[in-house]
């Protein structure tokens, strides 16, 4: 006879398999190294990045209740609306960090860039879910 914890673990394993089946995009994840270097194209001094995950399965979703949100960002007199989404990765993915950059390489949103807002995970989840905000390709990105 299975106890509650064994039943829960068995159910989560099955749900994690279902969640990964829905992850049809492929992403690369990069992280600032803390160093600075010269951009070979522009000669500008830029932050340096290292790719911590070159190829992960992923799914980009709206927020928890299925709706998409946005946030306003200002730079001087210009103002823009930035999409906020939830990035689903395989549960076994090692924790990512606040500020990590995600590039969707393959999938419906291929070519888009996202910044992880919060790298902390919850337990008893079918997927690793990270809140992300739309961004642009950072200068110094290695790929």
C-alpha atoms as a PDB file:
ATOM      1  CA  UNK A   1       0.000   0.000   0.000  1.00  0.00           C
ATOM      2  CA  UNK A   2       1.359   3.427  -0.990  1.00  0.00           C
ATOM      3  CA  UNK A   3       1.468   6.186   1.532  1.00  0.00           C
ATOM      4  CA  UNK A   4       0.463   9.763   0.734  1.00  0.00           C
ATOM      5  CA  UNK A   5       4.017  10.921  -0.081  1.00  0.00           C
ATOM      6  CA  UNK A   6       4.588   8.027  -2.497  1.00  0.00           C
ATOM      7  CA  UNK A   7       1.285   8.753  -4.240  1.00  0.00           C
ATOM      8  CA  UNK A   8       2.144  12.429  -4.495  1.00  0.00           C
ATOM      9  CA  UNK A   9       5.593  11.667  -5.937  1.00  0.00           C
ATOM     10  CA  UNK A  10       4.130   9.256  -8.503  1.00  0.00           C
ATOM     11  CA  UNK A  11       1.501  11.804  -9.533  1.00  0.00           C
ATOM     12  CA  UNK A  12       4.064  14.588  -9.872  1.00  0.00           C
ATOM     13  CA  UNK A  13       6.300  12.424 -12.060  1.00  0.00           C
ATOM     14  CA  UNK A  14       3.384  11.827 -14.425  1.00  0.00           C
ATOM     15  CA  UNK A  15       2.399  15.515 -14.461  1.00  0.00           C
ATOM     16  CA  UNK A  16       6.012  16.539 -15.127  1.00  0.00           C
ATOM     17  CA  UNK A  17       6.037  14.244 -18.156  1.00  0.00           C
ATOM     18  CA  UNK A  18       2.834  15.860 -19.456  1.00  0.00           C
ATOM     19  CA  UNK A  19       4.258  19.353 -18.851  1.00  0.00           C
ATOM     20  CA  UNK A  20       7.454  18.541 -20.758  1.00  0.00           C
ATOM     21  CA  UNK A  21       5.406  17.172 -23.671  1.00  0.00           C
ATOM     22  CA  UNK A  22       3.904  20.677 -24.062  1.00  0.00           C
ATOM     23  CA  UNK A  23       7.334  22.354 -24.167  1.00  0.00           C
ATOM     24  CA  UNK A  24       7.800  22.707 -27.929  1.00  0.00           C
ATOM     25  CA  UNK A  25      10.221  25.655 -27.950  1.00  0.00           C
ATOM     26  CA  UNK A  26      14.002  25.485 -27.501  1.00  0.00           C
ATOM     27  CA  UNK A  27      15.814  28.179 -25.544  1.00  0.00           C
ATOM     28  CA  UNK A  28      19.327  29.238 -24.596  1.00  0.00           C
ATOM     29  CA  UNK A  29      19.848  30.807 -21.155  1.00  0.00           C
ATOM     30  CA  UNK A  30      22.688  33.232 -20.420  1.00  0.00           C
ATOM     31  CA  UNK A  31      23.976  34.940 -17.302  1.00  0.00           C
ATOM     32  CA  UNK A  32      26.109  38.031 -16.704  1.00  0.00           C
ATOM     33  CA  UNK A  33      29.613  37.092 -15.670  1.00  0.00           C
ATOM     34  CA  UNK A  34      30.282  40.324 -13.809  1.00  0.00           C
ATOM     35  CA  UNK A  35      33.042  41.129 -16.287  1.00  0.00           C
ATOM     36  CA  UNK A  36      33.107  43.735 -19.029  1.00  0.00           C
ATOM     37  CA  UNK A  37      34.558  43.479 -22.494  1.00  0.00           C
ATOM     38  CA  UNK A  38      34.755  45.327 -25.781  1.00  0.00           C
ATOM     39  CA  UNK A  39      32.087  44.644 -28.380  1.00  0.00           C
ATOM     40  CA  UNK A  40      34.005  43.675 -31.549  1.00  0.00           C
ATOM     41  CA  UNK A  41      31.452  45.381 -33.800  1.00  0.00           C
ATOM     42  CA  UNK A  42      30.988  48.715 -32.032  1.00  0.00           C
ATOM     43  CA  UNK A  43      34.043  48.941 -29.790  1.00  0.00           C
ATOM     44  CA  UNK A  44      31.760  49.803 -26.871  1.00  0.00           C
ATOM     45  CA  UNK A  45      32.400  48.483 -23.380  1.00  0.00           C
ATOM     46  CA  UNK A  46      29.641  45.923 -22.627  1.00  0.00           C
ATOM     47  CA  UNK A  47      28.658  43.397 -19.959  1.00  0.00           C
ATOM     48  CA  UNK A  48      29.878  39.884 -20.682  1.00  0.00           C
ATOM     49  CA  UNK A  49      27.546  36.862 -20.635  1.00  0.00           C
ATOM     50  CA  UNK A  50      28.081  33.131 -20.429  1.00  0.00           C
ATOM     51  CA  UNK A  51      25.561  30.599 -21.709  1.00  0.00           C
ATOM     52  CA  UNK A  52      24.564  28.413 -18.745  1.00  0.00           C
ATOM     53  CA  UNK A  53      22.032  26.294 -20.675  1.00  0.00           C
ATOM     54  CA  UNK A  54      22.573  26.153 -24.460  1.00  0.00           C
ATOM     55  CA  UNK A  55      19.490  24.078 -25.338  1.00  0.00           C
ATOM     56  CA  UNK A  56      16.457  23.597 -23.094  1.00  0.00           C
ATOM     57  CA  UNK A  57      12.883  22.631 -23.859  1.00  0.00           C
ATOM     58  CA  UNK A  58      10.505  25.447 -22.905  1.00  0.00           C
ATOM     59  CA  UNK A  59       7.003  26.856 -23.151  1.00  0.00           C
ATOM     60  CA  UNK A  60       6.126  30.537 -22.925  1.00  0.00           C
ATOM     61  CA  UNK A  61       2.735  31.090 -21.295  1.00  0.00           C
ATOM     62  CA  UNK A  62       0.552  33.883 -19.988  1.00  0.00           C
ATOM     63  CA  UNK A  63       0.270  34.342 -16.231  1.00  0.00           C
ATOM     64  CA  UNK A  64      -1.250  31.809 -13.851  1.00  0.00           C
ATOM     65  CA  UNK A  65      -4.867  32.521 -14.793  1.00  0.00           C
ATOM     66  CA  UNK A  66      -4.128  32.355 -18.521  1.00  0.00           C
ATOM     67  CA  UNK A  67      -4.071  36.072 -19.217  1.00  0.00           C
ATOM     68  CA  UNK A  68      -1.080  38.013 -20.461  1.00  0.00           C
ATOM     69  CA  UNK A  69       0.143  41.115 -18.684  1.00  0.00           C
ATOM     70  CA  UNK A  70       2.517  43.936 -19.461  1.00  0.00           C
ATOM     71  CA  UNK A  71       4.493  46.543 -17.601  1.00  0.00           C
ATOM     72  CA  UNK A  72       5.461  50.101 -18.532  1.00  0.00           C
ATOM     73  CA  UNK A  73       9.109  51.088 -18.846  1.00  0.00           C
ATOM     74  CA  UNK A  74      10.510  54.567 -19.398  1.00  0.00           C
ATOM     75  CA  UNK A  75      13.861  55.681 -20.786  1.00  0.00           C
ATOM     76  CA  UNK A  76      14.060  59.453 -20.771  1.00  0.00           C
ATOM     77  CA  UNK A  77      10.980  60.795 -22.553  1.00  0.00           C
ATOM     78  CA  UNK A  78      10.260  57.472 -24.278  1.00  0.00           C
ATOM     79  CA  UNK A  79       7.890  54.974 -22.742  1.00  0.00           C
ATOM     80  CA  UNK A  80       7.217  51.390 -23.805  1.00  0.00           C
ATOM     81  CA  UNK A  81       4.986  48.507 -22.819  1.00  0.00           C
ATOM     82  CA  UNK A  82       6.884  45.282 -22.079  1.00  0.00           C
ATOM     83  CA  UNK A  83       5.207  41.888 -22.119  1.00  0.00           C
ATOM     84  CA  UNK A  84       5.230  39.807 -18.937  1.00  0.00           C
ATOM     85  CA  UNK A  85       4.913  36.055 -19.288  1.00  0.00           C
ATOM     86  CA  UNK A  86       5.705  32.810 -17.468  1.00  0.00           C
ATOM     87  CA  UNK A  87       8.467  30.592 -18.840  1.00  0.00           C
ATOM     88  CA  UNK A  88       7.967  26.867 -18.225  1.00  0.00           C
ATOM     89  CA  UNK A  89      11.116  24.713 -18.217  1.00  0.00           C
ATOM     90  CA  UNK A  90      11.632  21.053 -17.310  1.00  0.00           C
ATOM     91  CA  UNK A  91      11.328  20.631 -13.553  1.00  0.00           C
ATOM     92  CA  UNK A  92      14.809  19.066 -13.450  1.00  0.00           C
ATOM     93  CA  UNK A  93      16.430  22.271 -14.753  1.00  0.00           C
ATOM     94  CA  UNK A  94      18.865  23.648 -12.156  1.00  0.00           C
ATOM     95  CA  UNK A  95      17.610  26.895 -10.671  1.00  0.00           C
ATOM     96  CA  UNK A  96      18.129  29.991 -12.749  1.00  0.00           C
ATOM     97  CA  UNK A  97      18.939  33.391 -11.319  1.00  0.00           C
ATOM     98  CA  UNK A  98      17.209  36.752 -11.244  1.00  0.00           C
ATOM     99  CA  UNK A  99      18.318  38.664 -14.345  1.00  0.00           C
ATOM    100  CA  UNK A 100      19.241  35.615 -16.459  1.00  0.00           C
ATOM    101  CA  UNK A 101      18.503  36.164 -20.147  1.00  0.00           C
ATOM    102  CA  UNK A 102      16.479  33.678 -22.195  1.00  0.00           C
ATOM    103  CA  UNK A 103      16.641  33.582 -25.986  1.00  0.00           C
ATOM    104  CA  UNK A 104      13.904  31.553 -27.672  1.00  0.00           C
ATOM    105  CA  UNK A 105      15.755  29.909 -30.539  1.00  0.00           C
ATOM    106  CA  UNK A 106      13.046  27.564 -31.899  1.00  0.00           C
ATOM    107  CA  UNK A 107       9.266  27.764 -31.516  1.00  0.00           C
ATOM    108  CA  UNK A 108       6.296  30.055 -32.040  1.00  0.00           C
ATOM    109  CA  UNK A 109       8.114  32.984 -30.374  1.00  0.00           C
ATOM    110  CA  UNK A 110      11.546  32.240 -31.910  1.00  0.00           C
ATOM    111  CA  UNK A 111      13.853  35.242 -31.947  1.00  0.00           C
ATOM    112  CA  UNK A 112      12.408  36.824 -28.805  1.00  0.00           C
ATOM    113  CA  UNK A 113      14.403  37.657 -25.682  1.00  0.00           C
ATOM    114  CA  UNK A 114      13.224  37.498 -22.057  1.00  0.00           C
ATOM    115  CA  UNK A 115      14.678  38.436 -18.656  1.00  0.00           C
ATOM    116  CA  UNK A 116      13.978  36.239 -15.641  1.00  0.00           C
ATOM    117  CA  UNK A 117      12.436  38.390 -12.930  1.00  0.00           C
ATOM    118  CA  UNK A 118      12.540  35.867 -10.100  1.00  0.00           C
ATOM    119  CA  UNK A 119      14.706  32.760 -10.032  1.00  0.00           C
ATOM    120  CA  UNK A 120      13.138  31.115  -6.987  1.00  0.00           C
ATOM    121  CA  UNK A 121      11.102  27.960  -7.505  1.00  0.00           C
ATOM    122  CA  UNK A 122       8.172  26.440  -5.660  1.00  0.00           C
ATOM    123  CA  UNK A 123       7.952  22.774  -4.675  1.00  0.00           C
ATOM    124  CA  UNK A 124       5.447  20.151  -5.856  1.00  0.00           C
ATOM    125  CA  UNK A 125       5.278  21.702  -9.339  1.00  0.00           C
ATOM    126  CA  UNK A 126       4.942  19.960 -12.709  1.00  0.00           C
ATOM    127  CA  UNK A 127       7.375  22.417 -14.333  1.00  0.00           C
ATOM    128  CA  UNK A 128       9.927  25.014 -13.291  1.00  0.00           C
ATOM    129  CA  UNK A 129       8.001  28.271 -13.811  1.00  0.00           C
ATOM    130  CA  UNK A 130       9.795  31.601 -14.032  1.00  0.00           C
ATOM    131  CA  UNK A 131       8.190  35.033 -14.409  1.00  0.00           C
ATOM    132  CA  UNK A 132       9.852  36.784 -17.362  1.00  0.00           C
ATOM    133  CA  UNK A 133       9.690  40.212 -19.004  1.00  0.00           C
ATOM    134  CA  UNK A 134      10.359  40.941 -22.667  1.00  0.00           C
ATOM    135  CA  UNK A 135      13.760  42.447 -23.405  1.00  0.00           C
ATOM    136  CA  UNK A 136      16.186  42.792 -26.301  1.00  0.00           C
ATOM    137  CA  UNK A 137      19.379  40.934 -27.173  1.00  0.00           C
ATOM    138  CA  UNK A 138      21.959  42.214 -24.723  1.00  0.00           C
ATOM    139  CA  UNK A 139      25.215  43.617 -26.041  1.00  0.00           C
ATOM    140  CA  UNK A 140      27.908  41.132 -25.124  1.00  0.00           C
ATOM    141  CA  UNK A 141      25.687  38.086 -25.737  1.00  0.00           C
ATOM    142  CA  UNK A 142      28.074  35.307 -26.814  1.00  0.00           C
ATOM    143  CA  UNK A 143      26.004  33.622 -29.554  1.00  0.00           C
END
